[in-house]
N, C-alpha and C. Protein backbone atom coordinates (compact mmCIF):
# COMPACT_ATOMS: atom_id res chain seq x y z
N MET A 1 -66.52 86.73 -60.78
CA MET A 1 -65.44 87.42 -61.43
C MET A 1 -64.25 86.49 -61.57
N ASP A 2 -63.49 86.66 -62.67
CA ASP A 2 -62.27 85.88 -62.82
C ASP A 2 -61.13 86.60 -62.11
N THR A 3 -59.91 86.07 -62.23
CA THR A 3 -58.77 86.64 -61.51
C THR A 3 -58.35 88.00 -62.05
N HIS A 4 -58.92 88.43 -63.18
CA HIS A 4 -58.58 89.73 -63.76
C HIS A 4 -59.67 90.76 -63.50
N GLY A 5 -60.66 90.44 -62.68
CA GLY A 5 -61.71 91.38 -62.34
C GLY A 5 -62.79 91.52 -63.39
N VAL A 6 -62.87 90.57 -64.33
CA VAL A 6 -63.88 90.62 -65.39
C VAL A 6 -65.02 89.69 -65.01
N ASN A 7 -66.26 90.15 -65.19
CA ASN A 7 -67.41 89.31 -64.88
C ASN A 7 -67.51 88.15 -65.86
N THR A 8 -67.56 86.94 -65.33
CA THR A 8 -67.76 85.75 -66.13
C THR A 8 -68.78 84.87 -65.41
N SER A 9 -69.41 84.00 -66.16
CA SER A 9 -70.29 83.01 -65.56
C SER A 9 -69.97 81.66 -66.18
N GLU A 10 -70.05 80.61 -65.36
CA GLU A 10 -69.77 79.27 -65.88
C GLU A 10 -71.07 78.50 -66.00
N THR A 11 -71.24 77.85 -67.13
CA THR A 11 -72.42 77.04 -67.38
C THR A 11 -71.96 75.70 -67.94
N THR A 12 -72.64 74.63 -67.55
CA THR A 12 -72.34 73.30 -68.07
C THR A 12 -73.36 72.95 -69.15
N TYR A 13 -72.86 72.52 -70.30
CA TYR A 13 -73.70 72.11 -71.43
C TYR A 13 -73.41 70.64 -71.72
N LEU A 14 -74.47 69.87 -71.99
CA LEU A 14 -74.34 68.46 -72.31
C LEU A 14 -74.86 68.19 -73.72
N ALA A 15 -74.18 67.30 -74.43
CA ALA A 15 -74.59 66.95 -75.78
C ALA A 15 -74.23 65.51 -76.08
N THR A 16 -74.93 64.95 -77.03
CA THR A 16 -74.52 63.69 -77.64
C THR A 16 -74.04 64.03 -79.04
N PHE A 17 -73.25 63.12 -79.61
CA PHE A 17 -72.83 63.35 -80.99
C PHE A 17 -72.67 62.03 -81.72
N GLU A 18 -72.85 62.11 -83.02
CA GLU A 18 -72.63 60.98 -83.91
C GLU A 18 -71.49 61.33 -84.84
N VAL A 19 -70.61 60.37 -85.07
CA VAL A 19 -69.53 60.56 -86.02
C VAL A 19 -70.10 60.23 -87.39
N SER A 20 -70.32 61.27 -88.21
CA SER A 20 -70.92 61.06 -89.53
C SER A 20 -69.87 60.98 -90.64
N GLY A 21 -68.63 61.33 -90.33
CA GLY A 21 -67.56 61.21 -91.31
C GLY A 21 -66.28 60.79 -90.64
N TRP A 22 -65.59 59.81 -91.23
CA TRP A 22 -64.33 59.29 -90.68
C TRP A 22 -63.50 58.80 -91.85
N GLU A 23 -62.45 59.54 -92.17
CA GLU A 23 -61.57 59.16 -93.28
C GLU A 23 -60.14 59.13 -92.78
N GLY A 24 -59.61 57.93 -92.62
CA GLY A 24 -58.27 57.78 -92.07
C GLY A 24 -57.22 57.53 -93.13
N THR A 25 -56.05 58.08 -92.89
CA THR A 25 -54.90 57.85 -93.76
C THR A 25 -53.77 57.32 -92.89
N PRO A 26 -53.42 56.03 -93.04
CA PRO A 26 -52.34 55.48 -92.22
C PRO A 26 -50.98 56.04 -92.67
N TYR A 27 -50.07 56.10 -91.73
CA TYR A 27 -48.68 56.43 -92.06
C TYR A 27 -47.79 55.61 -91.14
N SER A 28 -46.52 55.51 -91.49
CA SER A 28 -45.62 54.70 -90.68
C SER A 28 -44.33 55.45 -90.43
N VAL A 29 -43.70 55.07 -89.34
CA VAL A 29 -42.39 55.59 -88.97
C VAL A 29 -41.55 54.38 -88.61
N SER A 30 -40.41 54.25 -89.23
CA SER A 30 -39.53 53.11 -89.01
C SER A 30 -39.17 52.99 -87.53
N GLY A 31 -39.24 51.77 -87.01
CA GLY A 31 -38.86 51.51 -85.63
C GLY A 31 -39.97 51.61 -84.61
N THR A 32 -41.20 51.95 -85.03
CA THR A 32 -42.31 52.04 -84.07
C THR A 32 -43.09 50.74 -84.04
N ASN A 33 -43.84 50.52 -82.97
CA ASN A 33 -44.67 49.32 -82.87
C ASN A 33 -46.15 49.67 -82.78
N SER A 34 -46.53 50.87 -83.23
CA SER A 34 -47.93 51.30 -83.17
C SER A 34 -48.46 51.58 -84.57
N ASP A 35 -49.77 51.38 -84.74
CA ASP A 35 -50.44 51.79 -85.96
C ASP A 35 -50.68 53.29 -85.85
N LEU A 36 -50.26 54.05 -86.84
CA LEU A 36 -50.37 55.50 -86.85
C LEU A 36 -51.31 55.92 -87.96
N SER A 37 -52.14 56.95 -87.70
CA SER A 37 -53.02 57.45 -88.76
C SER A 37 -53.40 58.90 -88.49
N GLU A 38 -53.71 59.59 -89.59
CA GLU A 38 -54.32 60.92 -89.53
C GLU A 38 -55.75 60.73 -90.00
N VAL A 39 -56.70 61.25 -89.23
CA VAL A 39 -58.12 61.02 -89.51
C VAL A 39 -58.84 62.37 -89.64
N GLN A 40 -59.63 62.49 -90.71
CA GLN A 40 -60.53 63.64 -90.85
C GLN A 40 -61.91 63.20 -90.37
N THR A 41 -62.53 64.00 -89.51
CA THR A 41 -63.82 63.63 -88.93
C THR A 41 -64.87 64.71 -89.18
N THR A 42 -66.12 64.27 -89.19
CA THR A 42 -67.28 65.14 -89.13
C THR A 42 -68.17 64.58 -88.03
N LYS A 43 -68.64 65.45 -87.12
CA LYS A 43 -69.49 65.01 -86.02
C LYS A 43 -70.73 65.89 -85.97
N ASP A 44 -71.88 65.26 -85.72
CA ASP A 44 -73.16 65.96 -85.60
C ASP A 44 -73.57 65.95 -84.13
N PHE A 45 -73.72 67.15 -83.54
CA PHE A 45 -74.03 67.30 -82.13
C PHE A 45 -75.51 67.62 -81.92
N SER A 46 -76.08 67.07 -80.83
CA SER A 46 -77.45 67.41 -80.46
C SER A 46 -77.55 67.50 -78.94
N GLY A 47 -78.55 68.22 -78.48
CA GLY A 47 -78.72 68.46 -77.06
C GLY A 47 -78.55 69.94 -76.79
N GLN A 48 -77.85 70.29 -75.72
CA GLN A 48 -77.61 71.69 -75.39
C GLN A 48 -76.53 72.31 -76.28
N ILE A 49 -75.87 71.47 -77.05
CA ILE A 49 -74.92 71.90 -78.08
C ILE A 49 -75.43 71.30 -79.38
N GLU A 50 -75.77 72.15 -80.34
CA GLU A 50 -76.34 71.71 -81.62
C GLU A 50 -75.47 72.22 -82.75
N GLY A 51 -75.03 71.32 -83.62
CA GLY A 51 -74.24 71.77 -84.75
C GLY A 51 -73.35 70.67 -85.30
N VAL A 52 -72.33 71.09 -86.03
CA VAL A 52 -71.42 70.17 -86.72
C VAL A 52 -69.98 70.59 -86.42
N SER A 53 -69.11 69.58 -86.27
CA SER A 53 -67.68 69.88 -86.14
C SER A 53 -66.93 69.17 -87.25
N TYR A 54 -65.82 69.80 -87.65
CA TYR A 54 -64.93 69.26 -88.67
C TYR A 54 -63.55 69.17 -88.04
N GLY A 55 -63.00 67.96 -87.96
CA GLY A 55 -61.78 67.77 -87.20
C GLY A 55 -60.69 67.02 -87.92
N ARG A 56 -59.52 67.12 -87.31
CA ARG A 56 -58.35 66.34 -87.71
C ARG A 56 -57.76 65.72 -86.46
N LEU A 57 -57.54 64.42 -86.50
CA LEU A 57 -56.98 63.69 -85.38
C LEU A 57 -55.69 63.00 -85.81
N LEU A 58 -54.71 62.97 -84.94
CA LEU A 58 -53.54 62.13 -85.10
C LEU A 58 -53.67 61.01 -84.09
N MET A 59 -53.66 59.77 -84.57
CA MET A 59 -53.94 58.63 -83.72
C MET A 59 -52.77 57.64 -83.72
N ALA A 60 -52.60 56.97 -82.58
CA ALA A 60 -51.59 55.91 -82.45
C ALA A 60 -52.19 54.81 -81.59
N GLY A 61 -51.98 53.56 -81.98
CA GLY A 61 -52.51 52.45 -81.19
C GLY A 61 -51.67 51.21 -81.36
N ASN A 62 -51.67 50.38 -80.31
CA ASN A 62 -50.96 49.10 -80.34
C ASN A 62 -51.76 48.11 -79.50
N ALA A 63 -51.19 46.95 -79.22
CA ALA A 63 -51.91 45.90 -78.50
C ALA A 63 -52.25 46.28 -77.06
N ILE A 64 -51.55 47.24 -76.48
CA ILE A 64 -51.77 47.59 -75.08
C ILE A 64 -52.61 48.86 -74.93
N GLY A 65 -52.40 49.85 -75.77
CA GLY A 65 -53.11 51.10 -75.59
C GLY A 65 -53.21 51.91 -76.86
N ALA A 66 -53.87 53.05 -76.74
CA ALA A 66 -54.05 53.95 -77.88
C ALA A 66 -54.14 55.38 -77.37
N GLY A 67 -53.87 56.31 -78.26
CA GLY A 67 -53.99 57.71 -77.91
C GLY A 67 -54.22 58.55 -79.15
N TYR A 68 -54.68 59.77 -78.93
CA TYR A 68 -54.90 60.69 -80.04
C TYR A 68 -54.78 62.12 -79.55
N VAL A 69 -54.53 63.02 -80.48
CA VAL A 69 -54.66 64.46 -80.28
C VAL A 69 -55.46 64.98 -81.46
N GLY A 70 -56.28 66.01 -81.22
CA GLY A 70 -57.11 66.51 -82.30
C GLY A 70 -57.50 67.95 -82.16
N SER A 71 -57.81 68.56 -83.29
CA SER A 71 -58.37 69.91 -83.37
C SER A 71 -59.65 69.84 -84.17
N GLU A 72 -60.69 70.54 -83.71
CA GLU A 72 -61.96 70.57 -84.42
C GLU A 72 -62.50 71.98 -84.47
N VAL A 73 -63.17 72.30 -85.57
CA VAL A 73 -63.90 73.55 -85.72
C VAL A 73 -65.38 73.21 -85.55
N PHE A 74 -66.04 73.82 -84.58
CA PHE A 74 -67.47 73.61 -84.33
C PHE A 74 -68.24 74.81 -84.88
N VAL A 75 -69.34 74.53 -85.59
CA VAL A 75 -70.23 75.56 -86.11
C VAL A 75 -71.64 75.21 -85.66
N GLY A 76 -72.30 76.13 -84.93
CA GLY A 76 -73.65 75.84 -84.47
C GLY A 76 -74.03 76.69 -83.27
N ALA A 77 -74.71 76.05 -82.32
CA ALA A 77 -75.23 76.76 -81.15
C ALA A 77 -74.79 76.06 -79.87
N VAL A 78 -74.44 76.88 -78.89
CA VAL A 78 -74.21 76.42 -77.52
C VAL A 78 -75.26 77.15 -76.69
N GLY A 79 -76.22 76.38 -76.15
CA GLY A 79 -77.36 77.02 -75.51
C GLY A 79 -78.11 77.81 -76.56
N ASP A 80 -78.37 79.08 -76.30
CA ASP A 80 -79.12 79.90 -77.26
C ASP A 80 -78.22 80.84 -78.05
N ARG A 81 -76.91 80.60 -78.02
CA ARG A 81 -75.97 81.47 -78.75
C ARG A 81 -75.37 80.71 -79.93
N THR A 82 -75.23 81.39 -81.05
CA THR A 82 -74.72 80.75 -82.26
C THR A 82 -73.38 81.35 -82.68
N GLY A 83 -72.63 80.57 -83.43
CA GLY A 83 -71.34 80.99 -83.93
C GLY A 83 -70.46 79.78 -84.16
N SER A 84 -69.16 79.98 -84.03
CA SER A 84 -68.21 78.89 -84.19
C SER A 84 -67.06 79.07 -83.20
N PHE A 85 -66.29 78.00 -83.00
CA PHE A 85 -65.08 78.04 -82.20
C PHE A 85 -64.24 76.83 -82.53
N VAL A 86 -62.98 76.88 -82.13
CA VAL A 86 -62.06 75.76 -82.31
C VAL A 86 -61.79 75.15 -80.95
N PHE A 87 -61.80 73.81 -80.89
CA PHE A 87 -61.39 73.16 -79.65
C PHE A 87 -60.35 72.10 -79.95
N GLN A 88 -59.47 71.90 -79.01
CA GLN A 88 -58.47 70.84 -79.10
C GLN A 88 -58.72 69.86 -77.98
N HIS A 89 -58.46 68.58 -78.27
CA HIS A 89 -58.68 67.54 -77.26
C HIS A 89 -57.71 66.40 -77.47
N TRP A 90 -57.61 65.55 -76.47
CA TRP A 90 -56.67 64.45 -76.49
C TRP A 90 -57.24 63.33 -75.64
N GLY A 91 -56.77 62.12 -75.90
CA GLY A 91 -57.26 61.01 -75.11
C GLY A 91 -56.28 59.86 -75.09
N LEU A 92 -56.41 59.02 -74.07
CA LEU A 92 -55.62 57.81 -73.90
C LEU A 92 -56.54 56.67 -73.51
N ALA A 93 -56.18 55.49 -73.97
CA ALA A 93 -56.92 54.28 -73.59
C ALA A 93 -55.92 53.17 -73.30
N GLU A 94 -56.22 52.42 -72.26
CA GLU A 94 -55.46 51.22 -71.94
C GLU A 94 -56.47 50.16 -71.53
N GLY A 95 -56.63 49.16 -72.37
CA GLY A 95 -57.69 48.18 -72.16
C GLY A 95 -59.04 48.86 -72.22
N ALA A 96 -59.90 48.64 -71.22
CA ALA A 96 -61.22 49.26 -71.20
C ALA A 96 -61.21 50.66 -70.60
N ALA A 97 -60.11 51.06 -69.96
CA ALA A 97 -60.02 52.38 -69.34
C ALA A 97 -59.69 53.43 -70.40
N ALA A 98 -60.45 54.52 -70.43
CA ALA A 98 -60.21 55.58 -71.41
C ALA A 98 -60.51 56.93 -70.78
N ALA A 99 -59.78 57.94 -71.22
CA ALA A 99 -60.01 59.30 -70.76
C ALA A 99 -59.76 60.25 -71.92
N SER A 100 -60.62 61.27 -72.05
CA SER A 100 -60.48 62.25 -73.12
C SER A 100 -60.97 63.60 -72.63
N SER A 101 -60.19 64.64 -72.86
CA SER A 101 -60.59 65.98 -72.45
C SER A 101 -59.90 67.00 -73.34
N GLY A 102 -60.32 68.27 -73.19
CA GLY A 102 -59.73 69.31 -74.00
C GLY A 102 -60.23 70.68 -73.62
N ASN A 103 -59.95 71.66 -74.47
CA ASN A 103 -60.30 73.05 -74.20
C ASN A 103 -60.66 73.78 -75.48
N ILE A 104 -61.49 74.80 -75.34
CA ILE A 104 -61.74 75.73 -76.43
C ILE A 104 -60.50 76.61 -76.55
N ILE A 105 -60.06 76.87 -77.77
CA ILE A 105 -58.92 77.75 -77.99
C ILE A 105 -59.38 79.19 -77.73
N PRO A 106 -58.79 79.87 -76.74
CA PRO A 106 -59.20 81.24 -76.44
C PRO A 106 -59.05 82.14 -77.67
N GLY A 107 -60.07 82.97 -77.91
CA GLY A 107 -60.06 83.89 -79.04
C GLY A 107 -60.50 83.29 -80.35
N SER A 108 -60.84 82.00 -80.38
CA SER A 108 -61.22 81.35 -81.65
C SER A 108 -62.69 81.50 -81.98
N GLY A 109 -63.51 81.99 -81.05
CA GLY A 109 -64.95 82.07 -81.26
C GLY A 109 -65.36 83.17 -82.22
N THR A 110 -66.53 82.95 -82.86
CA THR A 110 -67.13 83.94 -83.74
C THR A 110 -68.59 84.13 -83.36
N GLY A 111 -69.21 85.20 -83.89
CA GLY A 111 -70.62 85.45 -83.63
C GLY A 111 -70.89 85.61 -82.16
N GLU A 112 -72.00 85.03 -81.70
CA GLU A 112 -72.37 85.10 -80.28
C GLU A 112 -71.50 84.22 -79.39
N LEU A 113 -70.61 83.43 -80.00
CA LEU A 113 -69.68 82.58 -79.24
C LEU A 113 -68.27 83.18 -79.21
N ALA A 114 -68.15 84.45 -79.61
CA ALA A 114 -66.83 85.08 -79.74
C ALA A 114 -66.04 85.08 -78.44
N ASP A 115 -66.70 85.21 -77.31
CA ASP A 115 -65.98 85.28 -76.04
C ASP A 115 -66.11 84.01 -75.20
N LEU A 116 -66.46 82.89 -75.85
CA LEU A 116 -66.63 81.61 -75.16
C LEU A 116 -65.27 80.95 -74.91
N THR A 117 -65.06 80.47 -73.69
CA THR A 117 -63.90 79.65 -73.34
C THR A 117 -64.41 78.48 -72.53
N GLY A 118 -63.58 77.47 -72.33
CA GLY A 118 -64.03 76.39 -71.48
C GLY A 118 -63.28 75.10 -71.66
N HIS A 119 -63.61 74.16 -70.79
CA HIS A 119 -63.02 72.83 -70.73
C HIS A 119 -64.09 71.80 -71.13
N LEU A 120 -63.68 70.79 -71.88
CA LEU A 120 -64.64 69.76 -72.27
C LEU A 120 -64.13 68.38 -71.94
N THR A 121 -65.08 67.49 -71.72
CA THR A 121 -64.82 66.08 -71.46
C THR A 121 -65.64 65.28 -72.46
N ILE A 122 -65.02 64.26 -73.04
CA ILE A 122 -65.67 63.43 -74.05
C ILE A 122 -65.59 61.98 -73.57
N TRP A 123 -66.70 61.24 -73.73
CA TRP A 123 -66.69 59.83 -73.38
C TRP A 123 -67.71 59.08 -74.21
N GLN A 124 -67.60 57.74 -74.15
CA GLN A 124 -68.54 56.88 -74.85
C GLN A 124 -69.19 55.95 -73.83
N GLU A 125 -70.53 55.91 -73.86
CA GLU A 125 -71.29 55.05 -72.97
C GLU A 125 -71.14 53.58 -73.42
N ALA A 126 -71.50 52.66 -72.54
CA ALA A 126 -71.43 51.24 -72.85
C ALA A 126 -72.29 50.87 -74.06
N ASP A 127 -73.39 51.64 -74.29
CA ASP A 127 -74.26 51.35 -75.44
C ASP A 127 -73.75 51.98 -76.74
N GLY A 128 -72.58 52.64 -76.68
CA GLY A 128 -71.99 53.24 -77.88
C GLY A 128 -72.28 54.71 -78.07
N THR A 129 -73.15 55.29 -77.23
CA THR A 129 -73.48 56.71 -77.36
C THR A 129 -72.27 57.57 -76.98
N HIS A 130 -71.92 58.51 -77.87
CA HIS A 130 -70.85 59.46 -77.60
C HIS A 130 -71.43 60.69 -76.90
N ARG A 131 -70.75 61.15 -75.85
CA ARG A 131 -71.22 62.30 -75.09
C ARG A 131 -70.10 63.33 -74.93
N LEU A 132 -70.53 64.59 -74.79
CA LEU A 132 -69.61 65.69 -74.55
C LEU A 132 -70.20 66.58 -73.47
N LYS A 133 -69.36 66.96 -72.51
CA LYS A 133 -69.74 67.93 -71.47
C LYS A 133 -68.81 69.13 -71.61
N LEU A 134 -69.38 70.31 -71.75
CA LEU A 134 -68.63 71.54 -71.88
C LEU A 134 -68.89 72.40 -70.65
N GLN A 135 -67.85 72.71 -69.90
CA GLN A 135 -67.93 73.66 -68.79
C GLN A 135 -67.39 74.98 -69.36
N ALA A 136 -68.33 75.89 -69.69
CA ALA A 136 -68.00 77.07 -70.46
C ALA A 136 -68.11 78.34 -69.64
N GLN A 137 -67.28 79.30 -69.99
CA GLN A 137 -67.35 80.64 -69.44
C GLN A 137 -67.56 81.59 -70.61
N GLN A 138 -68.40 82.57 -70.41
CA GLN A 138 -68.63 83.58 -71.44
C GLN A 138 -68.64 84.94 -70.75
N ARG A 139 -67.82 85.84 -71.24
CA ARG A 139 -67.71 87.17 -70.65
C ARG A 139 -68.81 88.06 -71.13
């Protein structure tokens, strides 16, 4: 049960994904020392999460580090349930060290994913494989 007395269960889902679409539009702000861009993405997920996401990222990077914030709409299946949801995520990198995480927007789900919430972690393996771990709760 959660803190409101509602029955919930937490399940961890793992997936890999490929970035199948990446269209960046650079922009500049006077007085900054970072490369700035807005990027539209498409990602194809496989594993315990199957489907496609369509996202928008705001990115900034310079010689020392980089960061981004993003929102994506996912359409597909999580486990054996289908529908869609929106998730937001963010990340920072400094040299080889990088961290990225986010959350499903509460109330954004549709279909069998209507009551899905959760936290996600995103990373890239040394071989270039992109991975996502979703720790999800469904009421």
